[in-house]
């Protein structure tokens, strides 16, 4: 059961993103603990993950919350 709007969202565990190392997951979590990411550029800048890892996260749906912010920007 996923989220269709504001409020709690279903989260996938790090192990469900095949190819994402524990180190990369820890880097993402540390960046998120400081401040939620505003957009994909913010994730890229603060977490410093390579394009392949960002693609893995996007494919797994881990970056969908950033899509709503992008759509709201005009």
C-alpha atoms as a PDB file:
ATOM      1  CA  UNK A   1       0.000   0.000   0.000  1.00  0.00           C
ATOM      2  CA  UNK A   2       1.688   3.210  -1.165  1.00  0.00           C
ATOM      3  CA  UNK A   3       1.057   6.843  -0.520  1.00  0.00           C
ATOM      4  CA  UNK A   4      -1.064   8.831  -2.954  1.00  0.00           C
ATOM      5  CA  UNK A   5      -0.525  12.245  -1.441  1.00  0.00           C
ATOM      6  CA  UNK A   6       0.930  14.125   1.493  1.00  0.00           C
ATOM      7  CA  UNK A   7       1.702  12.038   4.538  1.00  0.00           C
ATOM      8  CA  UNK A   8       3.667   8.886   5.256  1.00  0.00           C
ATOM      9  CA  UNK A   9       5.124   7.106   2.265  1.00  0.00           C
ATOM     10  CA  UNK A  10       6.015   3.481   1.797  1.00  0.00           C
ATOM     11  CA  UNK A  11       9.763   3.081   2.100  1.00  0.00           C
ATOM     12  CA  UNK A  12      11.849   0.327   0.551  1.00  0.00           C
ATOM     13  CA  UNK A  13      14.771  -1.135   2.426  1.00  0.00           C
ATOM     14  CA  UNK A  14      18.310  -0.585   1.206  1.00  0.00           C
ATOM     15  CA  UNK A  15      18.610  -4.273   0.405  1.00  0.00           C
ATOM     16  CA  UNK A  16      15.782  -4.012  -2.121  1.00  0.00           C
ATOM     17  CA  UNK A  17      17.925  -1.719  -4.296  1.00  0.00           C
ATOM     18  CA  UNK A  18      20.213  -4.246  -5.946  1.00  0.00           C
ATOM     19  CA  UNK A  19      23.696  -2.796  -6.388  1.00  0.00           C
ATOM     20  CA  UNK A  20      23.463  -0.113  -3.699  1.00  0.00           C
ATOM     21  CA  UNK A  21      26.276  -0.633  -1.212  1.00  0.00           C
ATOM     22  CA  UNK A  22      25.944  -0.165   2.515  1.00  0.00           C
ATOM     23  CA  UNK A  23      28.406   2.731   2.252  1.00  0.00           C
ATOM     24  CA  UNK A  24      26.313   4.501  -0.402  1.00  0.00           C
ATOM     25  CA  UNK A  25      23.146   3.971   1.640  1.00  0.00           C
ATOM     26  CA  UNK A  26      24.863   5.414   4.728  1.00  0.00           C
ATOM     27  CA  UNK A  27      25.982   8.445   2.700  1.00  0.00           C
ATOM     28  CA  UNK A  28      22.403   9.039   1.532  1.00  0.00           C
ATOM     29  CA  UNK A  29      21.009   8.663   5.035  1.00  0.00           C
ATOM     30  CA  UNK A  30      23.577  11.081   6.467  1.00  0.00           C
ATOM     31  CA  UNK A  31      22.739  13.674   3.807  1.00  0.00           C
ATOM     32  CA  UNK A  32      19.016  13.230   4.452  1.00  0.00           C
ATOM     33  CA  UNK A  33      19.520  13.530   8.224  1.00  0.00           C
ATOM     34  CA  UNK A  34      21.091  16.962   7.724  1.00  0.00           C
ATOM     35  CA  UNK A  35      18.218  18.193   5.549  1.00  0.00           C
ATOM     36  CA  UNK A  36      15.732  16.624   3.132  1.00  0.00           C
ATOM     37  CA  UNK A  37      16.772  16.900  -0.505  1.00  0.00           C
ATOM     38  CA  UNK A  38      15.055  19.540  -2.608  1.00  0.00           C
ATOM     39  CA  UNK A  39      15.667  17.921  -5.981  1.00  0.00           C
ATOM     40  CA  UNK A  40      17.921  15.481  -7.833  1.00  0.00           C
ATOM     41  CA  UNK A  41      20.702  18.064  -8.141  1.00  0.00           C
ATOM     42  CA  UNK A  42      20.610  18.491  -4.359  1.00  0.00           C
ATOM     43  CA  UNK A  43      20.887  14.712  -3.838  1.00  0.00           C
ATOM     44  CA  UNK A  44      23.770  14.583  -6.287  1.00  0.00           C
ATOM     45  CA  UNK A  45      25.610  17.502  -4.696  1.00  0.00           C
ATOM     46  CA  UNK A  46      25.214  16.447  -1.056  1.00  0.00           C
ATOM     47  CA  UNK A  47      25.474  12.656  -1.360  1.00  0.00           C
ATOM     48  CA  UNK A  48      28.068  12.635  -4.139  1.00  0.00           C
ATOM     49  CA  UNK A  49      26.867   9.367  -5.665  1.00  0.00           C
ATOM     50  CA  UNK A  50      27.851   8.407  -9.174  1.00  0.00           C
ATOM     51  CA  UNK A  51      25.358   8.364 -12.038  1.00  0.00           C
ATOM     52  CA  UNK A  52      24.968   4.568 -11.900  1.00  0.00           C
ATOM     53  CA  UNK A  53      23.881   4.654  -8.233  1.00  0.00           C
ATOM     54  CA  UNK A  54      21.474   7.518  -8.911  1.00  0.00           C
ATOM     55  CA  UNK A  55      20.026   5.472 -11.776  1.00  0.00           C
ATOM     56  CA  UNK A  56      19.590   2.454  -9.472  1.00  0.00           C
ATOM     57  CA  UNK A  57      17.752   4.611  -6.954  1.00  0.00           C
ATOM     58  CA  UNK A  58      15.544   6.146  -9.624  1.00  0.00           C
ATOM     59  CA  UNK A  59      14.707   2.742 -11.100  1.00  0.00           C
ATOM     60  CA  UNK A  60      13.782   1.468  -7.628  1.00  0.00           C
ATOM     61  CA  UNK A  61      11.464   4.451  -7.136  1.00  0.00           C
ATOM     62  CA  UNK A  62      13.568   5.879  -4.307  1.00  0.00           C
ATOM     63  CA  UNK A  63      13.569   9.360  -5.845  1.00  0.00           C
ATOM     64  CA  UNK A  64       9.847   9.704  -6.611  1.00  0.00           C
ATOM     65  CA  UNK A  65       9.315  12.175  -3.762  1.00  0.00           C
ATOM     66  CA  UNK A  66      11.570  14.570  -5.662  1.00  0.00           C
ATOM     67  CA  UNK A  67       9.275  14.398  -8.700  1.00  0.00           C
ATOM     68  CA  UNK A  68       6.455  16.188  -6.852  1.00  0.00           C
ATOM     69  CA  UNK A  69       8.783  19.084  -6.017  1.00  0.00           C
ATOM     70  CA  UNK A  70       9.911  19.254  -9.644  1.00  0.00           C
ATOM     71  CA  UNK A  71       6.326  19.362 -10.920  1.00  0.00           C
ATOM     72  CA  UNK A  72       5.482  22.157  -8.474  1.00  0.00           C
ATOM     73  CA  UNK A  73       8.344  24.327  -9.689  1.00  0.00           C
ATOM     74  CA  UNK A  74       7.446  26.807 -12.387  1.00  0.00           C
END
